[in-house]
Amino acid sequence: MLENVTVIIPAHNRPERLKRLLDYYNGTGIKILIPDSSDQPYEGNLSSPDITYLHRPRLHFLLKIREILPLITTDYVLYCADDDFAVPEAIKQITDFMDEHPDYSIAQGHYLTFTPDKDQIAFYPRYIRNFDNCITSDTPTSRLHNEKGMYASLLYGVTRSDIFRKIYGYCFNSSGELRFRNLFLAEEFFNHALLINGKYATIPCFFSARERIKGSATETTTPISVIKNSPEHQSEYHGFIEALSLMLTDAEGINLEEARRTMLHICSCPTDTPGILFKRKVNSFINRHRILRWASRLSDWRYQQKGLKAVKGMPSYPCTFSPPEKQAIIQAIHSTPQF
């Protein structure tokens, strides 16, 4: 069914999540690449011919991805974190769309967040402020401008493999060294790079369920706002801008200085309204102080209720009902001993 798709699972020290995801994809025909930076190699079943596994302990995310680029032989590729589930039926729907629209470099669907709690699994909508965004301008620069204000990561969307391989070459300088290492920068690089190379669509289907885990890498990584504004991080930020500028120069035929000005402007623009930025600062402050955790839980509850109200009745957001695709994910979660 999905022999033209490769799923990359960048595993890291969560073998129980990796097992449940491999069980979930068993029998779908999807090719699976696992660059695993865990301290210990995975000891589960890797006998399927559709699975390629590389153990690279503690290797940086971008470096381990570089190793598996030559192993991608399918037309399409996507990331699926080891604690997520990208729905096979939705992947098929999206690749069918991209087959018919060759000017699109990436597409994705709608996301849920889930939190396992003993026998209960709560599902909530994700990216509700921009759940139906599409970027269809004809030039790279105009697409980059249209991206601003879109809080919906493209990192986990379905991408054309030739574009996916090409954009990662820009992450390295002429000596083969990484231009930047921050994981948030890597995600923002991916967002911009895909739009430089093509259009973007959100398909109205249930595409992915993402587990919310306290203490994940996103909570310990230096925020982009610090990277962009702190003198000690300027070398890394300039490397990030240079990578995108070189790509924009190649794609649009403008000179490098003009490309640098464009990327600096794009990346310095605020991506959210002042009100949203203020809420994020408040939430960050609350999360740092244990005595205020009750306020954090209340904020989460209010956001979840707002989201549930916004997507009520939408088949692509099955938070309060269970189509077969959601049932398959619930079964996969419950089949893992930890849960």
Protein backbone atom coordinates (compact mmCIF):
# COMPACT_ATOMS: atom_id res chain seq x y z
CA MET A 1 0.00 0.00 0.00
CA LEU A 2 2.78 2.43 0.88
CA GLU A 3 5.85 1.01 -0.82
CA ASN A 4 6.69 4.48 -2.18
CA VAL A 5 7.13 5.94 1.36
CA THR A 6 10.00 5.88 3.86
CA VAL A 7 9.39 6.74 7.51
CA ILE A 8 12.44 7.98 9.42
CA ILE A 9 12.26 7.25 13.15
CA PRO A 10 15.07 9.23 14.85
CA ALA A 11 15.06 7.09 17.99
CA HIS A 12 16.73 8.16 21.23
CA ASN A 13 16.58 6.27 24.56
CA ARG A 14 12.90 5.27 24.34
CA PRO A 15 12.99 1.60 23.29
CA GLU A 16 9.44 0.91 24.51
CA ARG A 17 8.10 3.69 22.25
CA LEU A 18 10.15 2.43 19.33
CA LYS A 19 8.72 -1.07 19.80
CA ARG A 20 5.13 0.09 19.79
CA LEU A 21 5.71 2.20 16.66
CA LEU A 22 7.36 -0.67 14.79
CA ASP A 23 4.45 -2.93 15.76
CA TYR A 24 2.05 -0.24 14.54
CA TYR A 25 3.67 -0.08 11.08
CA ASN A 26 4.08 -3.84 10.72
CA GLY A 27 2.43 -5.04 7.50
CA THR A 28 1.89 -1.60 5.95
CA GLY A 29 4.71 -1.92 3.38
CA ILE A 30 6.28 1.33 4.58
CA LYS A 31 10.08 1.40 4.46
CA ILE A 32 11.50 2.31 7.87
CA LEU A 33 14.88 3.89 8.60
CA ILE A 34 15.94 4.08 12.26
CA PRO A 35 18.99 6.23 13.02
CA ASP A 36 19.21 5.48 16.73
CA SER A 37 21.34 7.72 18.95
CA SER A 38 20.40 5.83 22.14
CA ASP A 39 23.09 4.87 24.61
CA GLN A 40 22.30 1.18 24.08
CA PRO A 41 21.29 -0.56 20.83
CA TYR A 42 17.67 -1.58 20.40
CA GLU A 43 17.15 -5.22 21.37
CA GLY A 44 13.70 -5.72 19.85
CA ASN A 45 12.72 -7.44 16.62
CA LEU A 46 14.32 -5.83 13.55
CA SER A 47 13.96 -8.81 11.21
CA SER A 48 11.53 -7.20 8.75
CA PRO A 49 13.13 -6.49 5.36
CA ASP A 50 11.38 -3.10 5.44
CA ILE A 51 13.45 -1.98 8.47
CA THR A 52 16.97 -0.55 8.30
CA TYR A 53 18.55 0.14 11.69
CA LEU A 54 21.72 2.09 12.52
CA HIS A 55 22.96 2.45 16.08
CA ARG A 56 24.90 5.71 16.43
CA PRO A 57 25.09 6.42 20.18
CA ARG A 58 24.78 10.10 21.13
CA LEU A 59 25.24 11.28 17.54
CA HIS A 60 23.70 14.70 16.82
CA PHE A 61 20.32 14.65 15.08
CA LEU A 62 21.54 16.25 11.83
CA LEU A 63 24.62 14.04 11.69
CA LYS A 64 22.67 10.82 12.05
CA ILE A 65 20.21 11.99 9.38
CA ARG A 66 23.12 12.64 7.01
CA GLU A 67 24.13 9.00 7.39
CA ILE A 68 20.78 7.64 6.26
CA LEU A 69 20.19 9.99 3.29
CA PRO A 70 21.72 7.53 0.75
CA LEU A 71 19.41 4.81 2.07
CA ILE A 72 16.21 6.60 1.05
CA THR A 73 15.04 4.90 -2.16
CA THR A 74 11.33 5.81 -2.18
CA ASP A 75 9.60 8.82 -3.76
CA TYR A 76 8.40 10.21 -0.43
CA VAL A 77 9.80 10.46 3.09
CA LEU A 78 8.64 11.73 6.46
CA TYR A 79 9.82 11.91 10.04
CA CYS A 80 7.88 10.15 12.77
CA ALA A 81 9.26 10.61 16.27
CA ASP A 82 9.41 7.42 18.30
CA ASP A 83 6.64 8.72 20.59
CA ASP A 84 4.29 9.65 17.72
CA PHE A 85 2.03 7.88 15.22
CA ALA A 86 1.73 9.05 11.61
CA VAL A 87 -1.44 7.42 10.24
CA PRO A 88 -0.81 5.16 7.20
CA GLU A 89 -4.21 5.92 5.62
CA ALA A 90 -3.47 9.66 5.82
CA ILE A 91 0.03 9.20 4.41
CA LYS A 92 -1.54 7.47 1.40
CA GLN A 93 -4.03 10.30 0.93
CA ILE A 94 -1.26 12.88 1.07
CA THR A 95 1.06 11.07 -1.38
CA ASP A 96 -1.88 10.74 -3.80
CA PHE A 97 -2.33 14.52 -3.57
CA MET A 98 1.36 15.16 -4.18
CA ASP A 99 1.41 12.79 -7.14
CA GLU A 100 -1.21 15.03 -8.71
CA HIS A 101 0.49 18.31 -7.70
CA PRO A 102 4.21 18.19 -8.56
CA ASP A 103 4.77 21.83 -7.54
CA TYR A 104 4.18 20.95 -3.87
CA SER A 105 7.25 20.02 -1.84
CA ILE A 106 5.42 19.03 1.34
CA ALA A 107 1.95 18.33 2.69
CA GLN A 108 0.49 17.12 5.96
CA GLY A 109 -2.84 16.74 7.72
CA HIS A 110 -4.28 17.41 11.16
CA TYR A 111 -2.61 16.51 14.45
CA LEU A 112 -3.77 15.29 17.83
CA THR A 113 -1.83 15.38 21.09
CA PHE A 114 -2.35 12.44 23.44
CA THR A 115 -1.44 11.76 27.04
CA PRO A 116 -1.54 8.18 28.38
CA ASP A 117 -2.61 7.97 32.03
CA LYS A 118 -2.97 4.40 33.31
CA ASP A 119 -6.02 3.00 31.47
CA GLN A 120 -7.10 6.35 30.04
CA ILE A 121 -5.75 8.11 26.94
CA ALA A 122 -6.80 11.72 26.49
CA PHE A 123 -6.68 13.19 22.97
CA TYR A 124 -6.67 16.90 22.20
CA PRO A 125 -6.33 18.94 18.98
CA ARG A 126 -2.99 20.44 18.00
CA TYR A 127 -2.14 23.48 15.83
CA ILE A 128 -5.77 24.64 15.89
CA ARG A 129 -4.87 28.25 15.07
CA ASN A 130 -3.54 27.24 11.67
CA PHE A 131 -5.05 23.83 11.05
CA ASP A 132 -5.93 24.48 7.38
CA ASN A 133 -3.01 26.61 6.19
CA CYS A 134 -1.75 26.26 2.65
CA ILE A 135 1.07 28.23 1.00
CA THR A 136 0.66 28.36 -2.75
CA SER A 137 2.66 31.35 -4.00
CA ASP A 138 4.78 30.79 -7.07
CA THR A 139 8.15 32.11 -5.86
CA PRO A 140 10.35 31.06 -2.93
CA THR A 141 10.48 34.54 -1.41
CA SER A 142 6.73 35.04 -1.51
CA ARG A 143 6.18 31.63 0.09
CA LEU A 144 8.58 32.50 2.90
CA HIS A 145 6.68 35.73 3.56
CA ASN A 146 3.37 33.84 3.59
CA GLU A 147 4.73 31.46 6.23
CA LYS A 148 5.03 34.12 8.92
CA GLY A 149 2.54 33.72 11.71
CA MET A 150 1.95 30.04 10.89
CA TYR A 151 2.46 28.09 14.08
CA ALA A 152 2.36 24.61 12.56
CA SER A 153 5.68 22.86 12.12
CA LEU A 154 6.38 21.29 8.73
CA LEU A 155 9.05 18.99 10.15
CA TYR A 156 6.80 15.92 10.28
CA GLY A 157 5.01 16.39 6.97
CA VAL A 158 5.30 14.15 3.91
CA THR A 159 8.15 15.38 1.71
CA ARG A 160 9.53 14.54 -1.71
CA SER A 161 12.68 12.50 -1.16
CA ASP A 162 14.78 14.31 -3.76
CA ILE A 163 14.07 17.66 -2.08
CA PHE A 164 14.60 16.16 1.38
CA ARG A 165 18.07 14.93 0.42
CA LYS A 166 18.99 18.18 -1.29
CA ILE A 167 18.14 20.56 1.54
CA TYR A 168 20.30 18.74 4.09
CA GLY A 169 23.39 19.43 2.05
CA TYR A 170 23.04 23.10 2.97
CA CYS A 171 23.34 22.31 6.70
CA PHE A 172 27.09 21.67 6.23
CA ASN A 173 29.87 24.03 5.20
CA SER A 174 32.55 23.29 2.61
CA SER A 175 34.57 21.42 5.27
CA GLY A 176 31.64 19.11 6.04
CA GLU A 177 30.98 20.71 9.43
CA LEU A 178 27.51 21.58 10.71
CA ARG A 179 26.60 25.25 10.26
CA PHE A 180 24.28 25.05 13.30
CA ARG A 181 23.36 22.45 15.96
CA ASN A 182 20.38 23.81 17.89
CA LEU A 183 17.34 21.54 17.38
CA PHE A 184 14.87 24.42 17.19
CA LEU A 185 17.00 26.01 14.50
CA ALA A 186 17.03 22.68 12.67
CA GLU A 187 13.23 22.61 12.72
CA GLU A 188 12.95 26.21 11.53
CA PHE A 189 15.53 25.47 8.83
CA PHE A 190 13.36 22.58 7.62
CA ASN A 191 10.25 24.80 7.55
CA HIS A 192 11.93 27.49 5.46
CA ALA A 193 13.86 25.08 3.23
CA LEU A 194 10.77 23.17 2.14
CA LEU A 195 9.00 26.40 1.19
CA ILE A 196 12.00 27.59 -0.79
CA ASN A 197 11.66 24.41 -2.83
CA GLY A 198 7.91 24.21 -3.33
CA LYS A 199 4.36 24.83 -2.16
CA TYR A 200 2.72 23.49 1.00
CA ALA A 201 -0.74 22.07 1.66
CA THR A 202 -2.69 20.93 4.69
CA ILE A 203 -4.98 18.05 3.73
CA PRO A 204 -8.13 17.80 5.93
CA CYS A 205 -7.47 14.34 7.31
CA PHE A 206 -6.40 12.84 10.64
CA PHE A 207 -2.66 12.62 10.01
CA SER A 208 -0.76 12.17 13.26
CA ALA A 209 -1.06 11.64 17.01
CA ARG A 210 1.81 13.06 19.06
CA GLU A 211 2.47 12.04 22.64
CA ARG A 212 3.06 14.78 25.16
CA ILE A 213 6.01 13.80 27.35
CA LYS A 214 7.33 15.96 30.16
CA GLY A 215 11.08 16.48 30.06
CA SER A 216 11.43 15.92 26.32
CA ALA A 217 14.26 17.45 24.30
CA THR A 218 12.14 20.48 23.39
CA GLU A 219 12.01 21.45 27.08
CA THR A 220 15.79 21.36 27.49
CA THR A 221 16.88 22.92 24.18
CA THR A 222 17.90 26.60 24.07
CA PRO A 223 14.91 28.56 22.67
CA ILE A 224 15.21 30.23 19.27
CA SER A 225 14.57 33.65 20.81
CA VAL A 226 17.79 33.22 22.82
CA ILE A 227 19.75 31.90 19.84
CA LYS A 228 18.71 34.87 17.70
CA ASN A 229 19.39 37.57 20.28
CA SER A 230 22.31 36.43 22.45
CA PRO A 231 25.87 37.36 21.41
CA GLU A 232 27.26 33.96 22.42
CA HIS A 233 24.99 32.25 19.86
CA GLN A 234 25.55 34.60 16.93
CA SER A 235 28.01 32.35 15.13
CA GLU A 236 25.49 29.51 15.08
CA TYR A 237 22.65 31.81 14.04
CA HIS A 238 24.73 33.26 11.21
CA GLY A 239 25.44 29.70 10.03
CA PHE A 240 21.70 29.02 9.98
CA ILE A 241 21.05 32.20 7.96
CA GLU A 242 23.91 31.39 5.57
CA ALA A 243 22.54 27.90 4.86
CA LEU A 244 19.13 29.28 3.94
CA SER A 245 20.61 32.19 1.98
CA LEU A 246 22.67 29.89 -0.18
CA MET A 247 19.62 27.75 -0.84
CA LEU A 248 17.47 30.78 -1.71
CA THR A 249 20.18 32.03 -4.08
CA ASP A 250 20.23 28.70 -5.90
CA ALA A 251 16.44 28.41 -6.04
CA GLU A 252 15.48 31.94 -7.07
CA GLY A 253 18.60 33.16 -8.86
CA ILE A 254 19.09 36.24 -6.67
CA ASN A 255 22.53 37.29 -5.43
CA LEU A 256 23.76 36.12 -2.06
CA GLU A 257 23.59 39.52 -0.35
CA GLU A 258 19.96 39.95 -1.35
CA ALA A 259 19.23 36.43 -0.15
CA ARG A 260 20.87 37.17 3.22
CA ARG A 261 18.79 40.32 3.68
CA THR A 262 15.65 38.39 2.82
CA MET A 263 16.38 35.57 5.26
CA LEU A 264 17.36 37.94 8.07
CA HIS A 265 14.09 39.79 7.58
CA ILE A 266 12.04 36.60 7.40
CA CYS A 267 13.67 35.08 10.48
CA SER A 268 13.50 38.26 12.55
CA CYS A 269 9.79 38.80 11.98
CA PRO A 270 7.66 37.87 14.98
CA THR A 271 5.78 34.64 14.25
CA ASP A 272 3.04 35.26 16.79
CA THR A 273 0.92 38.12 18.08
CA PRO A 274 2.08 40.00 21.19
CA GLY A 275 -0.73 38.35 23.16
CA ILE A 276 0.43 34.84 22.27
CA LEU A 277 4.05 35.72 23.01
CA PHE A 278 3.01 37.08 26.42
CA LYS A 279 1.10 33.88 27.22
CA ARG A 280 4.16 31.81 26.35
CA LYS A 281 6.32 33.87 28.70
CA VAL A 282 3.79 33.44 31.50
CA ASN A 283 3.59 29.68 30.90
CA SER A 284 7.37 29.41 30.87
CA PHE A 285 7.57 31.24 34.21
CA ILE A 286 4.88 29.00 35.74
CA ASN A 287 6.59 25.82 34.58
CA ARG A 288 9.85 26.85 36.27
CA HIS A 289 8.23 27.12 39.71
CA ARG A 290 6.80 23.99 41.29
CA ILE A 291 4.48 25.93 43.58
CA LEU A 292 2.70 27.31 40.49
CA ARG A 293 2.18 23.96 38.73
CA TRP A 294 -1.54 24.16 39.50
CA ALA A 295 -1.71 27.25 37.29
CA SER A 296 0.07 25.37 34.50
CA ARG A 297 -2.45 22.53 34.70
CA LEU A 298 -5.31 25.03 34.64
CA SER A 299 -3.83 26.76 31.59
CA ASP A 300 -3.45 23.41 29.81
CA TRP A 301 -7.05 22.49 30.62
CA ARG A 302 -8.39 25.81 29.30
CA TYR A 303 -6.38 25.45 26.06
CA GLN A 304 -7.59 21.87 25.61
CA GLN A 305 -11.21 22.84 26.12
CA LYS A 306 -10.88 25.70 23.67
CA GLY A 307 -9.38 23.31 21.13
CA LEU A 308 -12.08 20.68 21.61
CA LYS A 309 -14.74 23.33 21.04
CA ALA A 310 -13.00 24.62 17.90
CA VAL A 311 -12.81 21.21 16.20
CA LYS A 312 -16.10 19.73 17.41
CA GLY A 313 -17.62 17.58 14.68
CA MET A 314 -14.57 17.63 12.41
CA PRO A 315 -13.77 14.06 11.21
CA SER A 316 -10.10 14.99 10.87
CA TYR A 317 -9.88 15.75 14.62
CA PRO A 318 -11.25 12.58 16.29
CA CYS A 319 -10.70 13.72 19.88
CA THR A 320 -14.03 12.61 21.31
CA PHE A 321 -14.91 9.75 18.93
CA SER A 322 -12.94 6.77 17.63
CA PRO A 323 -12.64 5.97 13.93
CA PRO A 324 -10.58 2.90 12.96
CA GLU A 325 -7.40 4.97 12.57
CA LYS A 326 -7.63 6.23 16.15
CA GLN A 327 -8.53 2.78 17.45
CA ALA A 328 -5.38 1.35 15.87
CA ILE A 329 -3.29 3.92 17.75
CA ILE A 330 -5.06 3.20 21.05
CA GLN A 331 -4.45 -0.50 20.56
CA ALA A 332 -0.76 0.13 19.85
CA ILE A 333 -0.42 2.23 23.02
CA HIS A 334 -2.16 -0.34 25.20
CA SER A 335 -0.06 -3.16 23.77
CA THR A 336 3.10 -1.56 25.20
CA PRO A 337 3.80 -3.01 28.69
CA GLN A 338 4.59 0.41 30.17
CA PHE A 339 1.02 1.50 29.59
